[in-house]
C-alpha atoms as a PDB file:
ATOM      1  CA  UNK A   1      15.706 -23.179  -0.031  1.00  0.00           C
ATOM      2  CA  UNK A   2      13.784 -22.330  -3.112  1.00  0.00           C
ATOM      3  CA  UNK A   3      13.345 -19.088  -4.193  1.00  0.00           C
ATOM      4  CA  UNK A   4      11.720 -17.202  -6.867  1.00  0.00           C
ATOM      5  CA  UNK A   5      12.108 -13.433  -6.918  1.00  0.00           C
ATOM      6  CA  UNK A   6       9.934 -11.047  -9.278  1.00  0.00           C
ATOM      7  CA  UNK A   7      11.250  -7.699 -10.230  1.00  0.00           C
ATOM      8  CA  UNK A   8      10.238  -4.826 -13.120  1.00  0.00           C
ATOM      9  CA  UNK A   9       6.623  -4.287 -12.331  1.00  0.00           C
ATOM     10  CA  UNK A  10       5.004  -1.230 -11.754  1.00  0.00           C
ATOM     11  CA  UNK A  11       2.781   1.834 -13.548  1.00  0.00           C
ATOM     12  CA  UNK A  12       3.194   2.152 -16.964  1.00  0.00           C
ATOM     13  CA  UNK A  13       0.842   3.689 -19.720  1.00  0.00           C
ATOM     14  CA  UNK A  14      -1.291   2.083 -22.385  1.00  0.00           C
ATOM     15  CA  UNK A  15       0.968   1.286 -25.387  1.00  0.00           C
ATOM     16  CA  UNK A  16       3.980   1.091 -23.142  1.00  0.00           C
ATOM     17  CA  UNK A  17       6.439  -1.712 -22.155  1.00  0.00           C
ATOM     18  CA  UNK A  18       7.692  -3.345 -19.181  1.00  0.00           C
ATOM     19  CA  UNK A  19      10.460  -5.935 -18.953  1.00  0.00           C
ATOM     20  CA  UNK A  20       9.699  -8.507 -15.880  1.00  0.00           C
ATOM     21  CA  UNK A  21      12.213 -10.813 -14.441  1.00  0.00           C
ATOM     22  CA  UNK A  22      12.500 -13.618 -11.935  1.00  0.00           C
ATOM     23  CA  UNK A  23      15.435 -14.726 -10.493  1.00  0.00           C
ATOM     24  CA  UNK A  24      15.469 -18.089  -9.056  1.00  0.00           C
ATOM     25  CA  UNK A  25      17.621 -20.487  -6.692  1.00  0.00           C
ATOM     26  CA  UNK A  26      17.333 -23.706  -4.706  1.00  0.00           C
ATOM     27  CA  UNK A  27      16.764 -25.814  -7.560  1.00  0.00           C
ATOM     28  CA  UNK A  28      17.995 -26.761 -10.877  1.00  0.00           C
ATOM     29  CA  UNK A  29      16.742 -24.065 -13.194  1.00  0.00           C
ATOM     30  CA  UNK A  30      17.552 -25.557 -16.546  1.00  0.00           C
ATOM     31  CA  UNK A  31      15.498 -28.898 -15.631  1.00  0.00           C
ATOM     32  CA  UNK A  32      12.341 -26.900 -15.120  1.00  0.00           C
ATOM     33  CA  UNK A  33       9.472 -25.239 -17.426  1.00  0.00           C
ATOM     34  CA  UNK A  34       8.786 -21.632 -16.628  1.00  0.00           C
ATOM     35  CA  UNK A  35       5.704 -20.203 -16.355  1.00  0.00           C
ATOM     36  CA  UNK A  36       4.086 -16.597 -16.121  1.00  0.00           C
ATOM     37  CA  UNK A  37       0.789 -16.161 -14.458  1.00  0.00           C
ATOM     38  CA  UNK A  38      -1.316 -13.272 -13.669  1.00  0.00           C
ATOM     39  CA  UNK A  39      -4.188 -12.457 -11.667  1.00  0.00           C
ATOM     40  CA  UNK A  40      -6.323  -9.156 -12.011  1.00  0.00           C
ATOM     41  CA  UNK A  41      -8.204  -7.499  -9.210  1.00  0.00           C
ATOM     42  CA  UNK A  42     -11.240  -9.827  -8.320  1.00  0.00           C
ATOM     43  CA  UNK A  43     -10.298 -12.375 -10.863  1.00  0.00           C
ATOM     44  CA  UNK A  44      -8.795 -15.938 -10.975  1.00  0.00           C
ATOM     45  CA  UNK A  45      -5.371 -16.841 -12.001  1.00  0.00           C
ATOM     46  CA  UNK A  46      -4.844 -16.749 -15.597  1.00  0.00           C
ATOM     47  CA  UNK A  47      -1.821 -18.309 -17.624  1.00  0.00           C
ATOM     48  CA  UNK A  48      -0.154 -16.179 -19.879  1.00  0.00           C
ATOM     49  CA  UNK A  49       3.027 -17.395 -21.208  1.00  0.00           C
ATOM     50  CA  UNK A  50       5.339 -20.606 -20.896  1.00  0.00           C
ATOM     51  CA  UNK A  51       8.905 -21.671 -21.861  1.00  0.00           C
ATOM     52  CA  UNK A  52       9.938 -25.428 -21.607  1.00  0.00           C
ATOM     53  CA  UNK A  53      13.411 -26.706 -21.017  1.00  0.00           C
ATOM     54  CA  UNK A  54      14.109 -26.956 -24.524  1.00  0.00           C
ATOM     55  CA  UNK A  55      13.056 -23.091 -25.021  1.00  0.00           C
ATOM     56  CA  UNK A  56       9.898 -23.874 -26.731  1.00  0.00           C
ATOM     57  CA  UNK A  57       7.509 -21.175 -25.886  1.00  0.00           C
ATOM     58  CA  UNK A  58       3.645 -20.835 -25.758  1.00  0.00           C
ATOM     59  CA  UNK A  59       1.398 -17.672 -25.236  1.00  0.00           C
ATOM     60  CA  UNK A  60      -2.036 -16.904 -24.294  1.00  0.00           C
ATOM     61  CA  UNK A  61      -3.977 -15.525 -27.259  1.00  0.00           C
ATOM     62  CA  UNK A  62      -4.686 -12.270 -25.084  1.00  0.00           C
ATOM     63  CA  UNK A  63      -1.151 -11.551 -25.178  1.00  0.00           C
ATOM     64  CA  UNK A  64       0.406 -13.350 -28.235  1.00  0.00           C
ATOM     65  CA  UNK A  65       2.392 -10.679 -30.624  1.00  0.00           C
ATOM     66  CA  UNK A  66       2.944  -8.580 -27.738  1.00  0.00           C
ATOM     67  CA  UNK A  67       4.807 -10.548 -24.889  1.00  0.00           C
ATOM     68  CA  UNK A  68       7.877 -12.743 -25.014  1.00  0.00           C
ATOM     69  CA  UNK A  69       8.926 -15.020 -22.624  1.00  0.00           C
ATOM     70  CA  UNK A  70      12.775 -16.007 -22.369  1.00  0.00           C
ATOM     71  CA  UNK A  71      15.169 -17.457 -20.196  1.00  0.00           C
ATOM     72  CA  UNK A  72      18.540 -17.447 -19.063  1.00  0.00           C
ATOM     73  CA  UNK A  73      19.993 -20.873 -17.599  1.00  0.00           C
ATOM     74  CA  UNK A  74      23.391 -19.259 -16.843  1.00  0.00           C
ATOM     75  CA  UNK A  75      21.622 -16.542 -14.454  1.00  0.00           C
ATOM     76  CA  UNK A  76      18.807 -19.053 -13.320  1.00  0.00           C
ATOM     77  CA  UNK A  77      16.570 -16.080 -14.472  1.00  0.00           C
ATOM     78  CA  UNK A  78      13.278 -16.048 -16.568  1.00  0.00           C
ATOM     79  CA  UNK A  79      11.963 -12.810 -18.225  1.00  0.00           C
ATOM     80  CA  UNK A  80       8.652 -11.198 -19.707  1.00  0.00           C
ATOM     81  CA  UNK A  81       8.953  -8.875 -22.177  1.00  0.00           C
ATOM     82  CA  UNK A  82       5.598  -7.037 -22.146  1.00  0.00           C
ATOM     83  CA  UNK A  83       5.080  -4.449 -25.220  1.00  0.00           C
ATOM     84  CA  UNK A  84       2.047  -2.663 -26.258  1.00  0.00           C
ATOM     85  CA  UNK A  85       0.247  -2.772 -22.926  1.00  0.00           C
ATOM     86  CA  UNK A  86      -3.150  -2.641 -22.446  1.00  0.00           C
ATOM     87  CA  UNK A  87      -5.403  -1.664 -19.474  1.00  0.00           C
ATOM     88  CA  UNK A  88      -6.656  -5.317 -18.943  1.00  0.00           C
ATOM     89  CA  UNK A  89      -3.286  -6.253 -18.192  1.00  0.00           C
ATOM     90  CA  UNK A  90      -3.250  -4.916 -15.018  1.00  0.00           C
ATOM     91  CA  UNK A  91      -2.656  -7.606 -12.407  1.00  0.00           C
ATOM     92  CA  UNK A  92      -0.103  -9.269 -10.014  1.00  0.00           C
ATOM     93  CA  UNK A  93       2.203 -11.062 -12.154  1.00  0.00           C
ATOM     94  CA  UNK A  94       3.483 -14.581 -10.817  1.00  0.00           C
ATOM     95  CA  UNK A  95       6.398 -16.529 -12.194  1.00  0.00           C
ATOM     96  CA  UNK A  96       6.167 -20.330 -11.447  1.00  0.00           C
ATOM     97  CA  UNK A  97       8.640 -23.282 -12.094  1.00  0.00           C
ATOM     98  CA  UNK A  98       7.328 -26.524 -12.986  1.00  0.00           C
ATOM     99  CA  UNK A  99       9.619 -29.692 -12.915  1.00  0.00           C
ATOM    100  CA  UNK A 100       6.890 -32.152 -14.154  1.00  0.00           C
ATOM    101  CA  UNK A 101       6.730 -34.263 -11.051  1.00  0.00           C
ATOM    102  CA  UNK A 102       4.335 -33.698  -7.803  1.00  0.00           C
ATOM    103  CA  UNK A 103       6.128 -31.377  -5.338  1.00  0.00           C
ATOM    104  CA  UNK A 104       8.651 -29.902  -7.824  1.00  0.00           C
ATOM    105  CA  UNK A 105       6.441 -26.832  -8.338  1.00  0.00           C
ATOM    106  CA  UNK A 106       7.116 -23.551  -7.308  1.00  0.00           C
ATOM    107  CA  UNK A 107       5.883 -20.077  -7.405  1.00  0.00           C
ATOM    108  CA  UNK A 108       7.193 -16.478  -6.796  1.00  0.00           C
ATOM    109  CA  UNK A 109       5.522 -13.834  -4.516  1.00  0.00           C
ATOM    110  CA  UNK A 110       4.264 -11.680  -7.712  1.00  0.00           C
ATOM    111  CA  UNK A 111       5.184  -8.148  -8.851  1.00  0.00           C
ATOM    112  CA  UNK A 112       2.131  -5.893  -9.786  1.00  0.00           C
ATOM    113  CA  UNK A 113       1.893  -4.556 -12.921  1.00  0.00           C
ATOM    114  CA  UNK A 114      -0.624  -1.493 -13.359  1.00  0.00           C
ATOM    115  CA  UNK A 115      -1.667   0.085 -17.132  1.00  0.00           C
ATOM    116  CA  UNK A 116      -3.428   3.346 -16.622  1.00  0.00           C
ATOM    117  CA  UNK A 117      -3.122   6.566 -18.136  1.00  0.00           C
END
């Protein structure tokens, strides 16, 4: 059974930091690109960051320079370090595993991040 379990969300003040993690099982983690996506209240899904199997990373302009995505293939886990948080970062954050072929695309259940003073 494929599982992606996010953790690390919560309430943080503007300017603060949070570290999200996504622990996975049930598929060959090292063979999958890992992606963080978020959904703000009343909004659609927004891509945040991705890391491919070669550890190449990409970021949305809105988080570039503040967020860092990383992966630990030994632990089958992907991380999102979020610094200098802004109120507009309030959203449910989802991790996604993409194997590049139809049917090899999995999502976690999400973790709530609230940035507020």
